[in-house]
Amino acid sequence: MVDAVLGRARLVSQGLVIGRWERPVDAAAAFGAQQGQDLPGVLASIALRSDGGIAAVLEACGRGEIVRGYPMRGTVFLTATADLRWITELCAEKSLRESSRIIKSRGIGTGHVERSAAIAAEELAAGPRSRAHLHACWKQAGLLEANGANYHLTFQHIASGTLCYGPVVDGDQHVVLAEHWLPQDSGLEGRFNGDRDAACAELLRRYLDTHGPATLRDFSWWSKLPLGQIRRAFPLVRDQFEELPGDEPRYQRNGLADEMATMGRRASRPILLPDFDEFILGYQDRLFALTEADHRKLVPGNNGFFRRSAVSGGRVVGSWQRKGAPGRRNLELTPFIRLSNRAITGFEKAFRSWPFLTE
């Protein structure tokens, strides 16, 4: 059942009503990780939650404050540079095992992985290079005969801590050597003295702070960490959150209820979101924000492809696209419900200030 009150609370918690963070790196760090397989979309997600627009986000990437990697779920996520190592070490073990099984079944041997790592180290020693350049070097070395070798070798090297995605150049995030780009001692040992429960508690704290009201089970689904480990870790941060009653307790950061009261009608204003935004993908159950019928419209075929969502009153009321040639772009809104003229005007205003990566 759609729960617009819960939706509005989560919009405020996520910094989408009034930006909670001044710098893009602060927004990235606050979330721990934001799903980022669509680069323009995740950069916009950060820009919508911080000051300075898309230019500030690109500058943060260029300065090495924000990166993308494969910290969990076998999926690309954007993180603050200081957080990629420890989150990956905490959460990526299962994904790495599965990747190793797949590449072995496709004839990609240990020699391929080691040789491709050596080539990457040589090619990236002088600085960032495009994925296309790196893949061309692997091809020239005869490493790409197997189906999907580009993807699986890249995943292996990023999830194992050798590479990551760094600066954005001409709309493409270039690959960098982790040892040159990520802070020293930013892994589990350096940050938490190897204490996995302490690291789990820190990631849980960030999740509940930015996604609450949410359950421990939501976090387990999001991070793929075991629920038993999460329950052991939760007491370490429990005092920072209020508990909301229910069959399964939800938790929100202390003071969120007061913020909601202060926000008033602002929490209901029209908002345009990217396709993989955490407001939609950050929870096990998305039906707090839209009906089952509308979910099928937002995720046609339920195949992992998401349309951009238009949110008003704390719920998803439609999808949207940008149409037209550069200099003559316009909003194409596909409503799921009948929209008021005021809501349509609000979406048009949001479109005019939206942080697009390209003109």
Protein backbone atom coordinates (compact mmCIF):
# COMPACT_ATOMS: atom_id res chain seq x y z
CA MET A 1 0.00 0.00 0.00
CA VAL A 2 1.28 3.46 -0.91
CA ASP A 3 2.33 5.34 2.24
CA ALA A 4 2.81 8.99 1.30
CA VAL A 5 3.69 9.95 4.90
CA LEU A 6 6.55 7.44 4.87
CA GLY A 7 7.54 8.65 1.41
CA ARG A 8 7.75 12.27 2.55
CA ALA A 9 9.81 11.29 5.60
CA ARG A 10 12.25 9.41 3.40
CA LEU A 11 12.52 12.34 0.98
CA VAL A 12 13.49 14.59 3.87
CA SER A 13 15.87 12.00 5.28
CA GLN A 14 17.55 11.61 1.90
CA GLY A 15 18.11 15.35 1.51
CA LEU A 16 15.81 15.68 -1.50
CA VAL A 17 13.48 18.31 -0.03
CA ILE A 18 16.19 20.62 1.28
CA GLY A 19 19.78 19.61 0.62
CA ARG A 20 21.38 18.32 3.82
CA TRP A 21 24.97 18.55 2.58
CA GLU A 22 27.09 21.42 1.36
CA ARG A 23 29.72 19.47 -0.58
CA PRO A 24 29.14 16.55 -2.96
CA VAL A 25 31.67 14.43 -1.05
CA ASP A 26 29.67 15.00 2.13
CA ALA A 27 26.53 13.67 0.44
CA ALA A 28 28.43 10.67 -0.92
CA ALA A 29 29.94 9.89 2.48
CA ALA A 30 26.62 10.29 4.29
CA PHE A 31 25.01 7.54 2.20
CA GLY A 32 27.98 5.20 2.35
CA ALA A 33 27.15 4.10 -1.21
CA GLN A 34 24.64 5.07 -3.87
CA GLN A 35 23.75 2.73 -6.71
CA GLY A 36 25.56 4.06 -9.75
CA GLN A 37 25.52 1.86 -12.85
CA ASP A 38 24.12 4.85 -14.74
CA LEU A 39 26.86 7.49 -14.42
CA PRO A 40 24.82 10.61 -15.38
CA GLY A 41 22.07 9.46 -13.03
CA VAL A 42 24.18 8.92 -9.93
CA LEU A 43 26.07 12.20 -10.48
CA ALA A 44 22.68 13.91 -10.62
CA SER A 45 21.61 12.09 -7.45
CA ILE A 46 24.58 13.61 -5.62
CA ALA A 47 23.97 17.05 -7.17
CA LEU A 48 20.31 17.02 -6.07
CA ARG A 49 21.43 16.48 -2.47
CA SER A 50 24.29 19.00 -2.26
CA ASP A 51 25.30 22.49 -3.30
CA GLY A 52 27.00 23.57 -6.50
CA GLY A 53 25.11 21.54 -9.08
CA ILE A 54 26.62 19.05 -11.50
CA ALA A 55 29.79 21.15 -11.90
CA ALA A 56 30.63 20.73 -8.23
CA VAL A 57 30.12 16.96 -8.48
CA LEU A 58 32.42 16.71 -11.51
CA GLU A 59 35.04 18.78 -9.72
CA ALA A 60 34.81 16.46 -6.70
CA CYS A 61 35.40 13.46 -8.99
CA GLY A 62 38.36 15.24 -10.59
CA ARG A 63 39.90 16.02 -7.20
CA GLY A 64 39.64 12.37 -6.21
CA GLU A 65 36.98 12.88 -3.52
CA ILE A 66 34.32 10.66 -5.16
CA VAL A 67 34.77 7.33 -6.96
CA ARG A 68 32.75 4.39 -8.21
CA GLY A 69 33.44 0.74 -7.58
CA TYR A 70 31.79 -2.62 -6.87
CA PRO A 71 31.49 -2.56 -3.08
CA MET A 72 28.44 -4.85 -2.83
CA ARG A 73 25.78 -6.83 -4.70
CA GLY A 74 27.97 -7.09 -7.79
CA THR A 75 26.68 -3.66 -8.80
CA VAL A 76 28.38 -0.33 -9.44
CA PHE A 77 28.03 2.11 -6.54
CA LEU A 78 29.34 5.63 -5.99
CA THR A 79 31.16 6.29 -2.73
CA ALA A 80 33.39 8.84 -1.09
CA THR A 81 36.99 7.90 -1.92
CA ALA A 82 37.78 7.33 1.75
CA ASP A 83 35.04 4.69 2.00
CA LEU A 84 35.41 2.47 -1.04
CA ARG A 85 38.05 0.09 0.35
CA TRP A 86 36.43 -0.75 3.67
CA ILE A 87 32.89 -1.07 2.31
CA THR A 88 34.15 -3.35 -0.45
CA GLU A 89 36.13 -5.49 1.99
CA LEU A 90 33.05 -5.71 4.22
CA CYS A 91 30.45 -6.49 1.58
CA ALA A 92 31.96 -7.76 -1.69
CA GLU A 93 33.23 -11.22 -0.72
CA LYS A 94 30.16 -13.10 -1.99
CA SER A 95 30.11 -11.16 -5.28
CA LEU A 96 33.79 -11.89 -5.84
CA ARG A 97 33.27 -15.61 -5.27
CA GLU A 98 30.41 -15.65 -7.76
CA SER A 99 32.46 -13.71 -10.31
CA SER A 100 35.37 -16.13 -9.90
CA ARG A 101 33.02 -19.05 -10.52
CA ILE A 102 31.64 -17.41 -13.67
CA ILE A 103 34.98 -16.49 -15.20
CA LYS A 104 36.30 -19.99 -14.58
CA SER A 105 33.28 -21.46 -16.36
CA ARG A 106 33.98 -19.18 -19.33
CA GLY A 107 37.60 -20.15 -19.66
CA ILE A 108 39.08 -17.04 -18.09
CA GLY A 109 41.93 -18.46 -16.05
CA THR A 110 44.12 -17.13 -13.26
CA GLY A 111 46.71 -16.22 -15.86
CA HIS A 112 44.23 -13.95 -17.63
CA VAL A 113 43.41 -12.15 -14.38
CA GLU A 114 47.05 -11.72 -13.40
CA ARG A 115 48.15 -10.61 -16.88
CA SER A 116 45.29 -8.10 -17.21
CA ALA A 117 46.17 -6.66 -13.78
CA ALA A 118 49.80 -6.22 -14.83
CA ILE A 119 48.74 -4.47 -18.04
CA ALA A 120 46.40 -2.18 -16.09
CA ALA A 121 49.19 -1.28 -13.65
CA GLU A 122 51.48 -0.40 -16.54
CA GLU A 123 48.92 1.58 -18.54
CA LEU A 124 47.53 3.51 -15.56
CA ALA A 125 50.84 4.27 -13.88
CA ALA A 126 50.90 7.74 -15.43
CA GLY A 127 47.28 8.51 -14.57
CA PRO A 128 43.65 7.80 -15.44
CA ARG A 129 42.72 6.22 -18.77
CA SER A 130 39.40 5.33 -20.35
CA ARG A 131 37.92 1.86 -20.09
CA ALA A 132 38.04 1.67 -23.88
CA HIS A 133 41.81 2.21 -23.80
CA LEU A 134 42.32 -0.40 -21.12
CA HIS A 135 40.12 -2.94 -22.90
CA ALA A 136 41.98 -2.32 -26.16
CA CYS A 137 45.25 -3.12 -24.39
CA TRP A 138 43.79 -6.35 -23.02
CA LYS A 139 42.54 -7.26 -26.48
CA GLN A 140 45.94 -6.64 -28.02
CA ALA A 141 47.40 -9.00 -25.40
CA GLY A 142 44.90 -11.70 -26.41
CA LEU A 143 42.96 -11.70 -23.14
CA LEU A 144 39.42 -11.11 -24.42
CA GLU A 145 38.50 -14.27 -26.29
CA ALA A 146 35.96 -15.35 -23.66
CA ASN A 147 32.43 -13.96 -23.64
CA GLY A 148 32.13 -11.00 -21.28
CA ALA A 149 35.84 -10.92 -20.48
CA ASN A 150 35.97 -7.10 -20.46
CA TYR A 151 33.29 -6.87 -17.79
CA HIS A 152 34.47 -9.76 -15.63
CA LEU A 153 38.13 -8.76 -15.62
CA THR A 154 37.21 -5.15 -14.81
CA PHE A 155 34.91 -6.32 -12.02
CA GLN A 156 37.58 -8.59 -10.56
CA HIS A 157 40.17 -5.82 -10.43
CA ILE A 158 37.80 -3.25 -8.93
CA ALA A 159 36.11 -5.55 -6.38
CA SER A 160 39.48 -6.92 -5.28
CA GLY A 161 40.85 -3.40 -4.70
CA THR A 162 43.24 -2.97 -7.62
CA LEU A 163 41.30 -0.45 -9.70
CA CYS A 164 38.40 1.99 -9.36
CA TYR A 165 36.60 4.61 -11.43
CA GLY A 166 37.93 8.13 -10.87
CA PRO A 167 37.62 11.41 -12.82
CA VAL A 168 34.86 12.03 -15.36
CA VAL A 169 36.24 12.99 -18.77
CA ASP A 170 33.84 13.84 -21.62
CA GLY A 171 31.00 12.04 -19.89
CA ASP A 172 33.02 8.87 -19.16
CA GLN A 173 34.49 7.97 -15.78
CA HIS A 174 38.08 6.91 -16.34
CA VAL A 175 39.79 4.00 -14.63
CA VAL A 176 42.52 4.61 -12.06
CA LEU A 177 44.87 2.56 -9.91
CA ALA A 178 43.42 2.26 -6.42
CA GLU A 179 46.87 2.56 -4.82
CA HIS A 180 47.27 5.99 -6.45
CA TRP A 181 43.71 7.18 -5.87
CA LEU A 182 42.36 5.74 -2.61
CA PRO A 183 43.71 6.82 0.81
CA GLN A 184 46.20 4.55 2.50
CA ASP A 185 44.87 2.60 5.48
CA SER A 186 41.26 3.08 4.35
CA GLY A 187 40.44 -0.63 4.47
CA LEU A 188 38.84 -2.54 7.33
CA GLU A 189 42.12 -2.89 9.19
CA GLY A 190 43.04 0.78 8.92
CA ARG A 191 39.57 2.17 9.67
CA PHE A 192 38.20 -0.37 12.17
CA ASN A 193 41.20 -2.42 13.33
CA GLY A 194 39.69 -5.30 11.38
CA ASP A 195 36.48 -5.28 13.47
CA ARG A 196 33.78 -6.27 10.96
CA ASP A 197 30.94 -5.65 13.42
CA ALA A 198 32.17 -2.09 14.00
CA ALA A 199 32.34 -1.53 10.22
CA CYS A 200 28.86 -3.02 9.81
CA ALA A 201 27.57 -0.67 12.52
CA GLU A 202 29.06 2.35 10.71
CA LEU A 203 27.51 1.41 7.38
CA LEU A 204 24.19 0.70 9.13
CA ARG A 205 24.36 4.10 10.83
CA ARG A 206 24.81 5.84 7.50
CA TYR A 207 22.00 3.83 5.91
CA LEU A 208 19.45 4.57 8.64
CA ASP A 209 20.53 8.22 8.80
CA THR A 210 19.88 8.73 5.07
CA HIS A 211 17.20 6.12 4.33
CA GLY A 212 15.16 6.10 7.51
CA PRO A 213 12.50 5.35 8.44
CA ALA A 214 13.79 1.89 7.50
CA THR A 215 14.15 -1.56 9.02
CA LEU A 216 17.21 -3.65 9.77
CA ARG A 217 15.91 -6.05 7.15
CA ASP A 218 15.93 -3.19 4.60
CA PHE A 219 19.61 -2.67 5.35
CA SER A 220 20.34 -6.38 5.08
CA TRP A 221 18.67 -6.46 1.65
CA TRP A 222 20.54 -3.32 0.55
CA SER A 223 23.99 -4.39 1.75
CA LYS A 224 23.54 -8.18 1.53
CA LEU A 225 25.14 -8.46 4.96
CA PRO A 226 23.71 -11.22 7.21
CA LEU A 227 20.88 -10.14 9.47
CA GLY A 228 22.60 -11.81 12.45
CA GLN A 229 25.70 -9.67 11.98
CA ILE A 230 23.53 -6.56 11.62
CA ARG A 231 21.69 -7.31 14.87
CA ARG A 232 25.03 -7.72 16.67
CA ALA A 233 26.23 -4.41 15.29
CA PHE A 234 23.08 -2.35 15.84
CA PRO A 235 23.58 -1.72 19.60
CA LEU A 236 26.77 0.18 18.72
CA VAL A 237 24.69 2.93 17.06
CA ARG A 238 21.22 2.35 18.56
CA ASP A 239 21.18 5.58 20.58
CA GLN A 240 21.28 7.69 17.40
CA PHE A 241 17.87 6.51 16.20
CA GLU A 242 14.24 6.64 17.17
CA GLU A 243 12.13 3.52 16.87
CA LEU A 244 8.76 3.64 15.13
CA PRO A 245 6.27 0.98 16.24
CA GLY A 246 4.99 -1.70 13.89
CA ASP A 247 5.11 -5.41 13.12
CA GLU A 248 8.75 -4.83 12.21
CA PRO A 249 10.28 -1.73 13.80
CA ARG A 250 11.50 1.06 11.58
CA TYR A 251 14.27 3.39 12.69
CA GLN A 252 14.91 7.02 11.83
CA ARG A 253 17.53 9.48 12.93
CA ASN A 254 16.84 11.43 16.09
CA GLY A 255 15.04 14.67 15.29
CA LEU A 256 13.61 13.65 11.92
CA ALA A 257 10.03 14.01 13.18
CA ASP A 258 10.75 17.62 14.18
CA GLU A 259 12.32 18.28 10.77
CA MET A 260 9.20 16.90 9.11
CA ALA A 261 7.00 19.23 11.13
CA THR A 262 9.18 22.19 10.18
CA MET A 263 9.15 21.25 6.49
CA GLY A 264 5.37 21.20 6.26
CA ARG A 265 4.14 21.36 2.66
CA ARG A 266 7.68 21.59 1.27
CA ALA A 267 8.04 17.83 1.73
CA SER A 268 5.26 17.38 -0.84
CA ARG A 269 6.79 19.51 -3.61
CA PRO A 270 7.34 18.00 -7.09
CA ILE A 271 10.76 16.37 -7.54
CA LEU A 272 12.33 14.75 -10.62
CA LEU A 273 14.66 11.86 -9.83
CA PRO A 274 17.22 9.88 -11.87
CA ASP A 275 16.47 6.33 -12.90
CA PHE A 276 18.49 4.49 -10.21
CA ASP A 277 18.02 6.93 -7.34
CA GLU A 278 18.22 5.63 -3.76
CA PHE A 279 14.70 6.88 -3.02
CA ILE A 280 13.47 4.09 -5.28
CA LEU A 281 16.27 1.51 -5.09
CA GLY A 282 17.27 1.89 -1.47
CA TYR A 283 14.51 -0.28 0.03
CA GLN A 284 13.41 -3.90 -0.22
CA ASP A 285 9.79 -2.87 -0.75
CA ARG A 286 9.22 0.02 -3.17
CA LEU A 287 5.44 -0.03 -2.86
CA PHE A 288 5.53 2.64 -0.16
CA ALA A 289 6.01 5.07 -3.07
CA LEU A 290 3.81 3.64 -5.83
CA THR A 291 1.21 1.01 -6.57
CA GLU A 292 2.01 -2.39 -8.07
CA ALA A 293 0.46 -1.27 -11.37
CA ASP A 294 2.56 1.89 -11.42
CA HIS A 295 5.67 -0.08 -10.46
CA ARG A 296 5.24 -2.10 -13.63
CA LYS A 297 5.21 1.17 -15.57
CA LEU A 298 8.34 2.42 -13.81
CA VAL A 299 10.17 -0.90 -14.24
CA PRO A 300 8.78 -2.31 -17.51
CA GLY A 301 9.31 -6.04 -17.71
CA ASN A 302 10.75 -6.03 -14.18
CA ASN A 303 14.15 -6.59 -15.80
CA GLY A 304 16.26 -4.11 -13.85
CA PHE A 305 15.68 -1.17 -16.19
CA PHE A 306 14.17 1.79 -14.33
CA ARG A 307 12.56 4.86 -15.81
CA ARG A 308 13.18 8.23 -14.21
CA SER A 309 10.56 8.93 -11.55
CA ALA A 310 8.46 12.02 -10.95
CA VAL A 311 7.59 12.38 -7.26
CA SER A 312 4.96 14.59 -5.67
CA GLY A 313 3.31 14.44 -2.28
CA GLY A 314 5.73 11.73 -1.18
CA ARG A 315 4.80 9.24 -3.91
CA VAL A 316 5.81 8.44 -7.48
CA VAL A 317 3.15 9.99 -9.74
CA GLY A 318 4.77 9.44 -13.12
CA SER A 319 7.92 8.94 -15.17
CA TRP A 320 9.77 11.48 -17.26
CA GLN A 321 12.24 11.96 -20.09
CA ARG A 322 14.21 14.80 -21.64
CA LYS A 323 13.33 15.32 -25.28
CA GLY A 324 14.54 17.61 -28.05
CA ALA A 325 17.83 18.79 -29.47
CA PRO A 326 20.52 20.61 -27.43
CA GLY A 327 19.35 24.14 -26.68
CA ARG A 328 15.72 23.12 -27.14
CA ARG A 329 15.27 20.45 -24.50
CA ASN A 330 11.83 19.92 -23.00
CA LEU A 331 10.22 17.77 -20.32
CA GLU A 332 8.11 14.82 -21.43
CA LEU A 333 6.07 13.72 -18.43
CA THR A 334 4.12 10.46 -18.36
CA PRO A 335 1.66 10.72 -15.45
CA PHE A 336 0.48 7.65 -13.54
CA ILE A 337 -2.35 9.65 -11.98
CA ARG A 338 -4.14 12.85 -12.90
CA LEU A 339 -1.87 15.77 -12.03
CA SER A 340 -2.91 19.25 -11.02
CA ASN A 341 -1.71 22.27 -12.98
CA ARG A 342 0.29 23.25 -9.92
CA ALA A 343 2.11 19.90 -9.88
CA ILE A 344 2.86 20.11 -13.61
CA THR A 345 4.24 23.62 -13.17
CA GLY A 346 6.38 22.35 -10.29
CA PHE A 347 7.82 19.56 -12.42
CA GLU A 348 8.62 22.00 -15.23
CA LYS A 349 10.45 24.21 -12.75
CA ALA A 350 12.40 21.21 -11.44
CA PHE A 351 13.32 20.27 -15.01
CA ARG A 352 14.77 23.69 -15.75
CA SER A 353 17.20 23.43 -12.84
CA TRP A 354 17.95 19.71 -13.12
CA PRO A 355 21.67 18.73 -13.01
CA PHE A 356 22.11 17.14 -16.45
CA LEU A 357 25.59 15.89 -17.30
CA THR A 358 25.25 16.95 -20.96
CA GLU A 359 23.49 19.84 -22.67
